[in-house]
Protein backbone atom coordinates (compact mmCIF):
# COMPACT_ATOMS: atom_id res chain seq x y z
CA MET A 1 0.03 0.06 0.15
CA TYR A 2 2.44 2.41 0.64
CA ALA A 3 5.01 1.69 -1.93
CA ALA A 4 1.48 2.16 -4.15
CA LEU A 5 0.94 5.80 -2.63
CA GLU A 6 4.67 6.54 -2.92
CA GLY A 7 4.48 5.79 -6.54
CA LEU A 8 1.47 7.95 -7.24
CA MET A 9 2.68 10.86 -5.23
CA LYS A 10 5.78 10.70 -7.53
CA GLU A 11 3.24 10.53 -10.76
CA VAL A 12 1.23 13.62 -9.47
CA GLU A 13 4.07 15.44 -8.64
CA ASP A 14 5.94 14.80 -11.97
CA LEU A 15 2.47 15.32 -13.89
CA ARG A 16 2.28 18.35 -12.36
CA ARG A 17 5.75 20.00 -13.19
CA ILE A 18 5.69 19.01 -16.68
CA LEU A 19 2.17 20.75 -16.92
CA LYS A 20 3.69 23.95 -15.34
CA GLY A 21 6.30 24.08 -17.53
CA SER A 22 4.44 25.13 -20.67
CA ALA A 23 3.42 28.82 -21.03
CA ASN A 24 -0.41 27.06 -23.04
CA LYS A 25 -2.97 28.85 -20.47
CA GLN A 26 -5.47 25.15 -21.78
CA ILE A 27 -4.29 21.83 -22.11
CA TRP A 28 -4.48 20.72 -25.71
CA ALA A 29 -2.00 18.11 -26.26
CA GLU A 30 -3.42 14.51 -26.18
CA THR A 31 -0.51 13.21 -24.42
CA GLU A 32 -0.70 15.63 -21.31
CA ARG A 33 -4.39 14.68 -21.17
CA GLU A 34 -3.25 11.44 -21.81
CA ARG A 35 -1.07 11.27 -18.79
CA MET A 36 -3.61 12.71 -16.39
CA ARG A 37 -6.13 9.93 -17.01
CA GLY A 38 -2.92 7.78 -16.28
CA VAL A 39 -2.32 9.56 -13.09
CA CYS A 40 -6.46 9.21 -12.18
CA SER A 41 -6.27 5.27 -13.37
CA THR A 42 -3.54 4.80 -10.77
CA TYR A 43 -5.25 6.48 -8.09
CA PHE A 44 -8.16 4.54 -8.13
CA VAL A 45 -6.23 1.20 -8.27
CA ALA A 46 -3.57 2.37 -5.03
CA ARG A 47 -6.90 3.94 -2.91
CA GLY A 48 -8.33 0.26 -2.29
CA GLY A 49 -8.28 -0.65 1.37
CA LEU A 50 -7.64 3.07 1.94
CA GLY A 51 -11.06 3.74 3.73
CA GLU A 52 -13.41 6.58 3.77
CA THR A 53 -11.51 9.22 5.47
CA PRO A 54 -12.26 12.79 5.16
CA GLU A 55 -9.44 13.11 3.07
CA MET A 56 -9.94 10.27 1.41
CA LEU A 57 -13.56 11.21 0.49
CA GLU A 58 -12.24 14.75 -1.02
CA ALA A 59 -9.24 12.79 -3.21
CA ASP A 60 -11.69 10.31 -4.60
CA ALA A 61 -14.16 13.93 -6.13
CA LEU A 62 -10.80 15.58 -6.81
CA PHE A 63 -9.30 12.81 -9.06
CA LYS A 64 -12.88 12.51 -10.19
CA ASP A 65 -12.89 15.87 -11.69
CA LEU A 66 -9.47 15.46 -13.02
CA GLN A 67 -10.25 12.51 -15.06
CA ALA A 68 -13.44 14.40 -16.64
CA MET A 69 -11.49 17.48 -17.46
CA SER A 70 -9.00 15.09 -19.10
CA ARG A 71 -11.18 14.51 -21.79
CA ALA A 72 -11.87 18.30 -22.47
CA SER A 73 -9.04 21.01 -23.17
CA PRO A 74 -8.73 22.40 -19.29
CA SER A 75 -7.38 25.38 -17.80
CA ARG A 76 -3.61 24.84 -17.06
CA GLN A 77 -3.05 26.68 -14.06
CA LYS A 78 -6.08 24.81 -12.55
CA THR A 79 -5.35 21.41 -13.41
CA VAL A 80 -1.59 22.13 -12.02
CA ASP A 81 -3.42 23.74 -8.52
CA MET A 82 -5.58 20.53 -8.61
CA LEU A 83 -2.44 18.77 -8.68
CA GLY A 84 -0.69 20.22 -5.81
CA LYS A 85 -4.05 19.83 -4.16
CA ALA A 86 -4.07 16.10 -4.42
CA LYS A 87 -0.32 16.11 -3.25
CA LYS A 88 -1.06 17.32 -0.30
CA LEU A 89 -4.06 15.24 0.22
CA LEU A 90 -2.19 11.83 -0.69
CA VAL A 91 0.72 12.99 2.01
CA ALA A 92 -2.41 13.33 4.96
CA VAL A 93 -3.47 10.12 3.70
CA GLU A 94 -0.48 8.09 3.89
CA GLY A 95 0.19 9.90 7.35
CA THR A 96 -3.23 8.65 9.05
CA ALA A 97 -2.77 4.87 6.82
CA LEU A 98 0.80 5.01 9.05
CA THR A 99 -0.68 6.01 11.95
CA SER A 100 -3.10 3.20 11.87
CA ARG A 101 -0.80 1.08 10.92
CA THR A 102 1.84 1.42 13.68
CA LYS A 103 -1.12 1.08 16.30
CA SER A 104 -1.96 -2.70 15.06
CA ALA A 105 2.09 -3.10 14.25
CA GLY A 106 3.36 -6.67 15.64
CA ARG A 107 0.03 -8.21 14.71
CA LYS A 108 0.16 -10.93 12.18
CA THR A 109 -2.55 -10.66 9.27
CA PRO A 110 -3.21 -13.94 7.79
CA THR A 111 -0.68 -12.78 4.54
CA ASP A 112 2.11 -12.54 7.15
CA GLN A 113 1.19 -15.83 8.31
CA HIS A 114 0.71 -17.14 4.72
CA ILE A 115 4.25 -15.53 3.57
CA ILE A 116 5.61 -17.12 7.09
CA CYS A 117 4.51 -20.72 5.59
CA THR A 118 5.89 -19.99 2.54
CA LEU A 119 9.30 -19.09 3.46
CA LYS A 120 9.73 -21.71 5.89
CA GLU A 121 9.64 -23.98 2.92
CA VAL A 122 11.80 -21.56 0.70
CA CYS A 123 14.18 -20.08 3.22
CA PRO A 124 13.43 -21.46 7.05
CA SER A 125 15.99 -18.60 8.09
CA ALA A 126 14.25 -15.81 6.61
CA ALA A 127 10.95 -17.22 7.87
CA ALA A 128 12.12 -16.78 10.98
CA ALA A 129 13.98 -13.19 10.65
CA TYR A 130 10.42 -12.21 9.46
CA SER A 131 8.50 -13.68 12.14
CA GLN A 132 10.90 -12.01 14.73
CA ALA A 133 11.06 -8.65 13.45
CA LEU A 134 6.94 -8.68 13.75
CA GLU A 135 7.03 -10.04 17.14
CA ASP A 136 9.41 -6.76 17.72
CA LEU A 137 7.17 -4.35 16.43
CA GLY A 138 4.42 -5.01 18.83
CA ASP A 139 6.87 -4.05 21.36
CA GLU A 140 6.48 -0.47 22.61
CA HIS A 141 9.21 -0.20 25.23
CA ARG A 142 11.76 -0.87 22.46
CA ALA A 143 14.93 1.61 22.90
CA SER A 144 16.11 1.27 19.32
CA TRP A 145 14.01 -0.48 16.50
CA ARG A 146 16.96 -1.14 14.16
CA GLY A 147 16.53 -5.02 14.78
CA PRO A 148 13.09 -5.55 13.57
CA ALA A 149 14.19 -3.16 10.72
CA THR A 150 17.26 -5.15 9.78
CA ASP A 151 15.12 -8.38 10.30
CA LEU A 152 12.96 -7.56 7.53
CA ARG A 153 15.59 -6.28 5.35
CA GLU A 154 17.60 -9.64 5.90
CA ALA A 155 14.08 -11.84 5.28
CA LEU A 156 14.16 -10.36 2.02
CA ARG A 157 17.98 -10.68 1.37
CA GLU A 158 17.96 -14.34 2.07
CA THR A 159 14.84 -14.72 0.14
CA LEU A 160 16.42 -13.21 -3.02
CA ALA A 161 19.65 -15.04 -2.26
CA VAL A 162 17.69 -18.57 -3.08
CA LEU A 163 15.13 -17.46 -5.59
CA ALA A 164 17.78 -15.18 -7.66
CA PRO A 165 21.27 -16.34 -7.02
CA ASP A 166 24.25 -13.67 -8.27
CA ASP A 167 25.20 -16.48 -10.80
CA GLU A 168 22.35 -16.57 -13.01
CA VAL A 169 21.45 -12.95 -12.52
CA LEU A 170 24.84 -12.35 -14.10
CA LYS A 171 24.69 -14.47 -16.51
CA SER A 172 21.10 -13.16 -17.56
CA THR A 173 20.52 -11.20 -20.73
CA GLY A 174 21.09 -7.51 -21.01
CA PHE A 175 22.05 -7.79 -17.06
CA LYS A 176 25.07 -4.94 -16.23
CA LEU A 177 26.59 -4.82 -12.71
CA GLU A 178 25.70 -0.76 -11.24
CA LYS A 179 28.28 1.36 -10.97
CA ASP A 180 30.53 0.27 -8.27
CA ALA A 181 28.97 -2.59 -7.75
CA HIS A 182 30.58 -6.03 -7.38
CA ARG A 183 27.31 -8.27 -7.17
CA PRO A 184 23.92 -7.79 -8.39
CA THR A 185 21.83 -5.58 -6.03
CA MET A 186 18.78 -6.67 -4.23
CA LYS A 187 16.62 -4.19 -6.30
CA GLN A 188 18.35 -6.10 -9.81
CA LYS A 189 17.47 -9.10 -7.93
CA VAL A 190 13.86 -8.55 -7.78
CA LYS A 191 13.76 -7.02 -11.24
CA PHE A 192 15.27 -10.65 -12.54
CA ILE A 193 12.95 -12.75 -11.01
CA LEU A 194 9.57 -10.69 -11.90
CA LYS A 195 11.08 -10.78 -15.43
CA SER A 196 11.61 -14.27 -15.93
CA ARG A 197 8.22 -14.80 -15.09
CA GLY A 198 7.04 -11.96 -17.77
CA THR A 199 6.05 -9.46 -15.54
CA SER A 200 5.29 -6.42 -17.17
CA GLY A 201 6.95 -3.01 -16.43
CA THR A 202 4.43 -1.43 -15.13
CA ALA A 203 3.51 -4.20 -12.72
CA MET A 204 7.36 -4.03 -11.40
CA ALA A 205 7.06 -0.26 -10.60
CA ALA A 206 6.02 -0.79 -6.85
CA PRO A 207 7.85 -4.07 -6.20
CA GLU A 208 11.00 -1.87 -7.48
CA GLN A 209 10.03 1.40 -5.49
CA ALA A 210 9.30 -0.45 -2.45
CA MET A 211 13.45 -1.89 -3.10
CA GLN A 212 14.27 1.39 -3.14
CA GLY A 213 12.48 2.52 -0.20
CA ILE A 214 13.45 -0.13 1.91
CA GLU A 215 17.39 0.67 1.26
CA ASP A 216 17.10 4.52 2.13
CA ILE A 217 15.22 4.04 5.28
CA VAL A 218 17.34 0.85 6.65
CA GLY A 219 20.69 2.51 5.96
CA GLY A 220 18.80 5.86 7.53
CA LEU A 221 17.99 4.18 10.79
CA THR A 222 21.60 2.47 10.62
CA ARG A 223 23.93 6.00 10.48
CA SER A 224 21.27 7.24 13.34
CA VAL A 225 23.75 5.42 15.60
CA TYR A 226 26.49 7.84 14.75
CA ASP A 227 24.33 10.87 14.19
CA ARG A 228 22.16 10.91 16.96
CA SER A 229 22.96 11.47 20.90
CA SER A 230 19.52 10.34 22.17
CA MET A 231 18.02 7.26 20.56
CA SER A 232 14.95 7.48 22.96
CA THR A 233 13.90 10.65 21.56
CA HIS A 234 13.37 9.57 18.04
CA THR A 235 12.14 6.07 18.68
CA PRO A 236 8.35 7.40 17.87
CA THR A 237 9.54 8.04 14.40
CA ASP A 238 11.79 5.45 13.86
CA LYS A 239 8.54 3.38 14.72
CA LYS A 240 6.94 4.60 11.84
CA GLU A 241 9.87 4.02 9.56
CA VAL A 242 10.07 0.43 10.26
CA VAL A 243 6.51 0.00 10.10
CA ARG A 244 6.65 1.70 6.80
CA VAL A 245 9.67 -1.03 5.85
CA HIS A 246 7.37 -3.87 6.84
CA GLY A 247 4.77 -2.39 4.64
CA TRP A 248 7.41 -2.58 1.70
CA VAL A 249 8.95 -6.07 2.66
CA ARG A 250 5.17 -7.48 2.76
CA ILE A 251 4.29 -6.03 -0.99
CA ILE A 252 7.98 -7.47 -2.51
CA LEU A 253 7.40 -11.12 -0.85
CA CYS A 254 4.05 -10.91 -1.95
CA GLU A 255 5.17 -10.73 -5.67
CA LEU A 256 7.98 -13.03 -4.89
CA LEU A 257 6.15 -16.33 -2.89
CA GLU A 258 3.31 -15.25 -5.32
CA VAL A 259 1.30 -14.51 -2.38
CA PRO A 260 -2.37 -13.13 -2.22
CA PRO A 261 -1.99 -9.68 -0.67
CA GLY A 262 -4.56 -9.19 1.90
C-alpha cells in the first residue's frame, strides 16, 4: 500500500511539473491529457483498502474531476493547482494510514502468516527473521528499532539469494552491474525474478519502488546510531519508519512468493 502511494505521489508531482512548464493557458496536447487519465487510473487502483476518511473522500472527488477534465481542454493553471492539492491530500492519507498501521504493528495478518509458512519451505532463516521482526514491532518499549528493520531486510535478502542466485542474475540477458557494485543489488534481483515470470514493466514498478524505500530507510536507521545523541528522543519516528519498511517488504514478498496480498 505504501509503495503504491509513494509511486502515485511521484506521478502526481511529475505531471504537475510537466504541465507547469508550458506557457499555454489550456491543455490541448493529447499526450498531456492522456497522462492525466493515467494518473487518475493509478489513484483509483491504489486507493483500495484505504478506507473512507475525509481526506480519502476529498481525494476521490478531486481525481474524478481531473478525470473528467482530461476529456476536454482544461485550464492549465487550474489543473496544476488541483494536482498540488492532490499531493497534499495524499500525504495526509499516507500519514493516517501509517499511524493506523503503527498502532496495530506486530499483529500477524493472514497474509503475514501465509508469507511465513511459504518462507519456511523456501528459506527457513528468512521465515524466522520475518516472524521475529513482527514480534519486535509489537514491543512498545524498545529503545531502538534497528533490530526489526534489519531483520525485515535480511528476510528479503535471504529470500532473494535463494530465488535469484548471483550467478544466474549475472548471466541473464542484458544484465549490467550497477556502478561500483561487485554483485547484483537486491533491486536488480527483484527485477530479475519478476522479469523471468513475464511480469510487465508497469507491474514491476511498485516492488522496485518498495526496494529503494527499504534501502533508504534501513540505511538511515543504521546511520542514526552515529548521528543522534539520544535514541529515546527519536524512537516514535523510527517505529513508523520500520512499519513502513514492513509494508514494503510485505509487498515484495507477496510478489516473489506469489502470495495474494491481504
